[in-house]
Structures are given as C-alpha cells and as structure tokens.
Amino acid sequence: GSAGWMYRLVIETLIGIVLEEGNQLRLTPRLPKSWKGCKIHYRYRQTVYHIAVTLLVADSIQANQIFLDGKELVMKTVPLVDDRSEHFVELKVWSLEP
C-alpha cells in the first residue's frame, strides 16, 4: 500500500534510480545540497549492486561520472546482469558551489 508508494518515491525521485527497458539502470539523483551522498543496495534478480552516490563541489561545470566495478562507463546508464555476483557502482555528481 502506502509504504510501497513511499519506497518508490524515495528510490525513483530522490535517489533517482529507475529501471529502464533492456536491463539498464538510470541514475539521476536529486539529493538535497546538505547531503554529501548516499548508499543503496539494489537487488536485480539474484545479483546485488552496491550503489554509492557522492556529491562533489566543482569550480566549473563537470560531467557526472559513473563507475561499475572500478571502470568508468561511457553510457549514462548501468548495464544490469544477473550473474549472482556483487557489483559496485559509484556515481560522482558534480555541482557548482552555491
């Protein structure tokens, strides 16, 4: 019921995790500026993705960076596989100093 809707609100809107067709995970966080980041453990079938979002301050506009298991992704989405392993995703979000 309402707990499920609240979970979706937090995951999809605040943290910005959306499962797209083709087994892709899009990360578009809208965290408050007072947060330094957040961590979430996302289960995709039998596989766990440990996702860390870090908010960083930049002195010029920089593109966000996504890493999967230590390797930077060129795409804006994380490819999901059900290999029953643990995977580590890091999203660095750059923002200009207020």
N, C-alpha and C. Protein backbone atom coordinates (compact mmCIF):
# COMPACT_ATOMS: atom_id res chain seq x y z
N GLY A 1 0.79 -1.18 0.00
CA GLY A 1 0.00 0.00 0.00
C GLY A 1 0.84 1.25 0.00
N SER A 2 0.62 2.06 1.01
CA SER A 2 1.28 3.37 1.06
C SER A 2 2.78 3.26 1.30
N ALA A 3 3.23 2.23 2.01
CA ALA A 3 4.67 2.05 2.22
C ALA A 3 5.38 1.78 0.90
N GLY A 4 4.76 1.02 0.03
CA GLY A 4 5.33 0.74 -1.29
C GLY A 4 5.46 1.99 -2.13
N TRP A 5 4.44 2.85 -2.05
CA TRP A 5 4.49 4.11 -2.81
C TRP A 5 5.57 5.03 -2.24
N MET A 6 5.73 5.06 -0.93
CA MET A 6 6.76 5.88 -0.33
C MET A 6 8.14 5.38 -0.74
N TYR A 7 8.33 4.07 -0.78
CA TYR A 7 9.59 3.48 -1.22
C TYR A 7 9.90 3.91 -2.65
N ARG A 8 8.92 3.81 -3.54
CA ARG A 8 9.12 4.22 -4.93
C ARG A 8 9.44 5.71 -5.03
N LEU A 9 8.78 6.52 -4.23
CA LEU A 9 9.04 7.96 -4.23
C LEU A 9 10.50 8.24 -3.88
N VAL A 10 10.99 7.63 -2.82
CA VAL A 10 12.36 7.86 -2.39
C VAL A 10 13.36 7.32 -3.40
N ILE A 11 13.16 6.08 -3.86
CA ILE A 11 14.11 5.44 -4.77
C ILE A 11 14.11 6.12 -6.14
N GLU A 12 12.95 6.35 -6.72
CA GLU A 12 12.88 6.86 -8.08
C GLU A 12 13.04 8.38 -8.17
N THR A 13 12.54 9.12 -7.20
CA THR A 13 12.58 10.57 -7.29
C THR A 13 13.78 11.16 -6.56
N LEU A 14 13.93 10.88 -5.29
CA LEU A 14 15.01 11.48 -4.51
C LEU A 14 16.37 10.91 -4.91
N ILE A 15 16.49 9.60 -4.91
CA ILE A 15 17.77 8.97 -5.25
C ILE A 15 17.91 8.83 -6.76
N GLY A 16 16.81 8.80 -7.48
CA GLY A 16 16.86 8.82 -8.95
C GLY A 16 17.25 7.50 -9.60
N ILE A 17 16.87 6.39 -9.01
CA ILE A 17 17.17 5.08 -9.59
C ILE A 17 15.95 4.59 -10.34
N VAL A 18 16.10 4.41 -11.66
CA VAL A 18 14.99 3.98 -12.50
C VAL A 18 15.46 2.82 -13.38
N LEU A 19 14.71 1.72 -13.33
CA LEU A 19 14.98 0.57 -14.19
C LEU A 19 14.36 0.83 -15.55
N GLU A 20 15.20 0.80 -16.59
CA GLU A 20 14.71 1.04 -17.95
C GLU A 20 14.68 -0.27 -18.72
N GLU A 21 13.96 -0.24 -19.84
CA GLU A 21 13.91 -1.42 -20.71
C GLU A 21 15.31 -1.78 -21.16
N GLY A 22 15.51 -3.06 -21.42
CA GLY A 22 16.82 -3.51 -21.85
C GLY A 22 17.77 -3.74 -20.70
N ASN A 23 17.25 -3.85 -19.48
CA ASN A 23 18.06 -4.13 -18.29
C ASN A 23 19.13 -3.07 -18.04
N GLN A 24 18.71 -1.82 -18.07
CA GLN A 24 19.59 -0.68 -17.81
C GLN A 24 19.07 0.07 -16.59
N LEU A 25 19.98 0.54 -15.76
CA LEU A 25 19.63 1.30 -14.58
C LEU A 25 20.10 2.74 -14.78
N ARG A 26 19.15 3.67 -14.76
CA ARG A 26 19.48 5.09 -14.91
C ARG A 26 19.56 5.72 -13.53
N LEU A 27 20.62 6.50 -13.30
CA LEU A 27 20.84 7.16 -12.01
C LEU A 27 20.80 8.67 -12.21
N THR A 28 19.78 9.30 -11.68
CA THR A 28 19.64 10.76 -11.77
C THR A 28 19.22 11.30 -10.41
N PRO A 29 20.14 11.34 -9.45
CA PRO A 29 19.79 11.75 -8.09
C PRO A 29 19.43 13.23 -7.99
N ARG A 30 18.53 13.51 -7.08
CA ARG A 30 18.12 14.88 -6.75
C ARG A 30 18.24 15.06 -5.24
N LEU A 31 19.45 14.84 -4.76
CA LEU A 31 19.68 14.89 -3.31
C LEU A 31 19.75 16.34 -2.83
N PRO A 32 19.35 16.56 -1.59
CA PRO A 32 19.50 17.90 -1.01
C PRO A 32 20.97 18.30 -0.97
N LYS A 33 21.26 19.59 -1.12
CA LYS A 33 22.65 20.06 -1.13
C LYS A 33 23.35 19.81 0.20
N SER A 34 22.58 19.65 1.28
CA SER A 34 23.17 19.41 2.59
C SER A 34 23.70 17.97 2.73
N TRP A 35 23.29 17.06 1.83
CA TRP A 35 23.78 15.69 1.85
C TRP A 35 25.12 15.62 1.13
N LYS A 36 26.00 14.78 1.61
CA LYS A 36 27.27 14.55 0.92
C LYS A 36 27.17 13.36 -0.03
N GLY A 37 26.09 12.62 0.08
CA GLY A 37 25.87 11.46 -0.77
C GLY A 37 24.96 10.46 -0.09
N CYS A 38 24.87 9.29 -0.67
CA CYS A 38 24.07 8.22 -0.08
C CYS A 38 24.53 6.88 -0.66
N LYS A 39 24.13 5.82 0.00
CA LYS A 39 24.44 4.47 -0.46
C LYS A 39 23.16 3.65 -0.46
N ILE A 40 23.05 2.77 -1.44
CA ILE A 40 21.89 1.89 -1.52
C ILE A 40 22.35 0.55 -2.07
N HIS A 41 21.68 -0.49 -1.63
CA HIS A 41 21.95 -1.83 -2.13
C HIS A 41 20.75 -2.22 -2.98
N TYR A 42 20.99 -2.39 -4.27
CA TYR A 42 19.92 -2.64 -5.24
C TYR A 42 20.02 -4.08 -5.71
N ARG A 43 18.93 -4.83 -5.54
CA ARG A 43 18.92 -6.23 -5.98
C ARG A 43 18.27 -6.32 -7.35
N TYR A 44 18.99 -6.93 -8.28
CA TYR A 44 18.47 -7.22 -9.62
C TYR A 44 18.46 -8.73 -9.76
N ARG A 45 17.29 -9.31 -9.63
CA ARG A 45 17.12 -10.76 -9.62
C ARG A 45 17.99 -11.36 -8.52
N GLN A 46 19.03 -12.13 -8.86
CA GLN A 46 19.88 -12.77 -7.85
C GLN A 46 21.21 -12.05 -7.67
N THR A 47 21.31 -10.83 -8.17
CA THR A 47 22.56 -10.07 -8.15
C THR A 47 22.37 -8.78 -7.36
N VAL A 48 23.37 -8.43 -6.55
CA VAL A 48 23.29 -7.21 -5.74
C VAL A 48 24.26 -6.17 -6.29
N TYR A 49 23.74 -4.96 -6.46
CA TYR A 49 24.53 -3.81 -6.88
C TYR A 49 24.62 -2.86 -5.70
N HIS A 50 25.84 -2.59 -5.25
CA HIS A 50 26.07 -1.63 -4.17
C HIS A 50 26.33 -0.28 -4.84
N ILE A 51 25.43 0.65 -4.63
CA ILE A 51 25.48 1.94 -5.32
C ILE A 51 25.83 3.03 -4.32
N ALA A 52 26.89 3.79 -4.63
CA ALA A 52 27.30 4.93 -3.80
C ALA A 52 27.21 6.18 -4.66
N VAL A 53 26.46 7.16 -4.17
CA VAL A 53 26.34 8.45 -4.83
C VAL A 53 27.10 9.46 -3.98
N THR A 54 28.02 10.19 -4.62
CA THR A 54 28.81 11.19 -3.91
C THR A 54 28.60 12.55 -4.57
N LEU A 55 28.22 13.54 -3.77
CA LEU A 55 28.07 14.90 -4.27
C LEU A 55 29.39 15.64 -4.07
N LEU A 56 29.92 16.21 -5.15
CA LEU A 56 31.19 16.91 -5.11
C LEU A 56 31.00 18.34 -5.61
N VAL A 57 31.77 19.24 -5.06
CA VAL A 57 31.69 20.64 -5.47
C VAL A 57 32.81 20.91 -6.46
N ALA A 58 32.47 21.59 -7.55
CA ALA A 58 33.44 21.93 -8.58
C ALA A 58 33.46 23.43 -8.77
N ASP A 59 34.57 23.94 -9.30
CA ASP A 59 34.65 25.36 -9.58
C ASP A 59 34.24 25.67 -11.02
N SER A 60 34.00 24.62 -11.80
CA SER A 60 33.49 24.78 -13.17
C SER A 60 32.57 23.60 -13.46
N ILE A 61 31.80 23.71 -14.51
CA ILE A 61 30.85 22.64 -14.85
C ILE A 61 31.62 21.40 -15.29
N GLN A 62 31.33 20.28 -14.64
CA GLN A 62 31.94 19.00 -14.98
C GLN A 62 30.83 17.97 -15.16
N ALA A 63 31.07 17.01 -16.03
CA ALA A 63 30.08 15.96 -16.27
C ALA A 63 30.12 14.96 -15.12
N ASN A 64 28.96 14.41 -14.80
CA ASN A 64 28.89 13.36 -13.79
C ASN A 64 29.65 12.14 -14.30
N GLN A 65 30.17 11.36 -13.37
CA GLN A 65 30.92 10.16 -13.73
C GLN A 65 30.26 8.95 -13.09
N ILE A 66 30.17 7.85 -13.85
CA ILE A 66 29.63 6.59 -13.34
C ILE A 66 30.70 5.52 -13.50
N PHE A 67 30.93 4.78 -12.43
CA PHE A 67 31.89 3.69 -12.44
C PHE A 67 31.17 2.39 -12.08
N LEU A 68 31.48 1.33 -12.78
CA LEU A 68 30.95 0.00 -12.49
C LEU A 68 32.14 -0.91 -12.25
N ASP A 69 32.24 -1.43 -11.04
CA ASP A 69 33.35 -2.30 -10.64
C ASP A 69 34.71 -1.67 -10.96
N GLY A 70 34.81 -0.36 -10.69
CA GLY A 70 36.07 0.34 -10.83
C GLY A 70 36.37 0.89 -12.22
N LYS A 71 35.53 0.58 -13.21
CA LYS A 71 35.76 1.05 -14.57
C LYS A 71 34.72 2.11 -14.93
N GLU A 72 35.19 3.23 -15.48
CA GLU A 72 34.27 4.30 -15.84
C GLU A 72 33.42 3.90 -17.04
N LEU A 73 32.13 4.19 -16.93
CA LEU A 73 31.19 3.89 -18.02
C LEU A 73 31.05 5.11 -18.91
N VAL A 74 30.97 4.87 -20.20
CA VAL A 74 30.76 5.96 -21.16
C VAL A 74 29.27 6.29 -21.21
N MET A 75 28.44 5.27 -21.07
CA MET A 75 26.99 5.44 -21.12
C MET A 75 26.50 6.15 -19.86
N LYS A 76 25.30 6.65 -19.92
CA LYS A 76 24.68 7.31 -18.77
C LYS A 76 23.86 6.32 -17.94
N THR A 77 23.89 5.04 -18.33
CA THR A 77 23.14 4.02 -17.60
C THR A 77 24.09 2.89 -17.19
N VAL A 78 23.65 2.11 -16.20
CA VAL A 78 24.42 0.96 -15.73
C VAL A 78 23.79 -0.29 -16.30
N PRO A 79 24.56 -1.10 -17.06
CA PRO A 79 24.01 -2.35 -17.58
C PRO A 79 23.87 -3.37 -16.45
N LEU A 80 22.72 -4.01 -16.37
CA LEU A 80 22.46 -4.98 -15.32
C LEU A 80 22.59 -6.39 -15.86
N VAL A 81 23.28 -7.24 -15.13
CA VAL A 81 23.39 -8.65 -15.47
C VAL A 81 23.05 -9.47 -14.23
N ASP A 82 22.45 -10.61 -14.43
CA ASP A 82 22.10 -11.49 -13.31
C ASP A 82 23.12 -12.62 -13.25
N ASP A 83 24.31 -12.29 -12.71
CA ASP A 83 25.38 -13.28 -12.62
C ASP A 83 25.62 -13.76 -11.19
N ARG A 84 24.72 -13.39 -10.29
CA ARG A 84 24.77 -13.78 -8.87
C ARG A 84 26.05 -13.34 -8.17
N SER A 85 26.64 -12.28 -8.66
CA SER A 85 27.83 -11.69 -8.05
C SER A 85 27.47 -10.34 -7.45
N GLU A 86 28.37 -9.79 -6.67
CA GLU A 86 28.19 -8.44 -6.17
C GLU A 86 28.89 -7.48 -7.12
N HIS A 87 28.24 -6.36 -7.40
CA HIS A 87 28.82 -5.33 -8.25
C HIS A 87 28.79 -4.01 -7.49
N PHE A 88 29.76 -3.15 -7.82
CA PHE A 88 29.89 -1.88 -7.13
C PHE A 88 29.78 -0.74 -8.13
N VAL A 89 28.83 0.15 -7.87
CA VAL A 89 28.57 1.29 -8.74
C VAL A 89 28.88 2.55 -7.94
N GLU A 90 29.62 3.46 -8.57
CA GLU A 90 29.90 4.75 -7.94
C GLU A 90 29.48 5.84 -8.90
N LEU A 91 28.66 6.74 -8.42
CA LEU A 91 28.23 7.88 -9.21
C LEU A 91 28.76 9.14 -8.54
N LYS A 92 29.58 9.90 -9.28
CA LYS A 92 30.09 11.17 -8.78
C LYS A 92 29.30 12.28 -9.45
N VAL A 93 28.61 13.05 -8.64
CA VAL A 93 27.78 14.14 -9.12
C VAL A 93 28.47 15.46 -8.78
N TRP A 94 28.80 16.22 -9.82
CA TRP A 94 29.50 17.49 -9.63
C TRP A 94 28.48 18.62 -9.66
N SER A 95 28.62 19.55 -8.73
CA SER A 95 27.76 20.73 -8.73
C SER A 95 28.62 21.95 -8.44
N LEU A 96 28.16 23.08 -8.92
CA LEU A 96 28.87 24.33 -8.67
C LEU A 96 28.63 24.78 -7.25
N GLU A 97 29.62 25.40 -6.68
CA GLU A 97 29.49 25.91 -5.31
C GLU A 97 28.36 26.93 -5.27
N PRO A 98 27.48 26.82 -4.25
CA PRO A 98 26.34 27.74 -4.18
C PRO A 98 26.74 29.18 -3.94
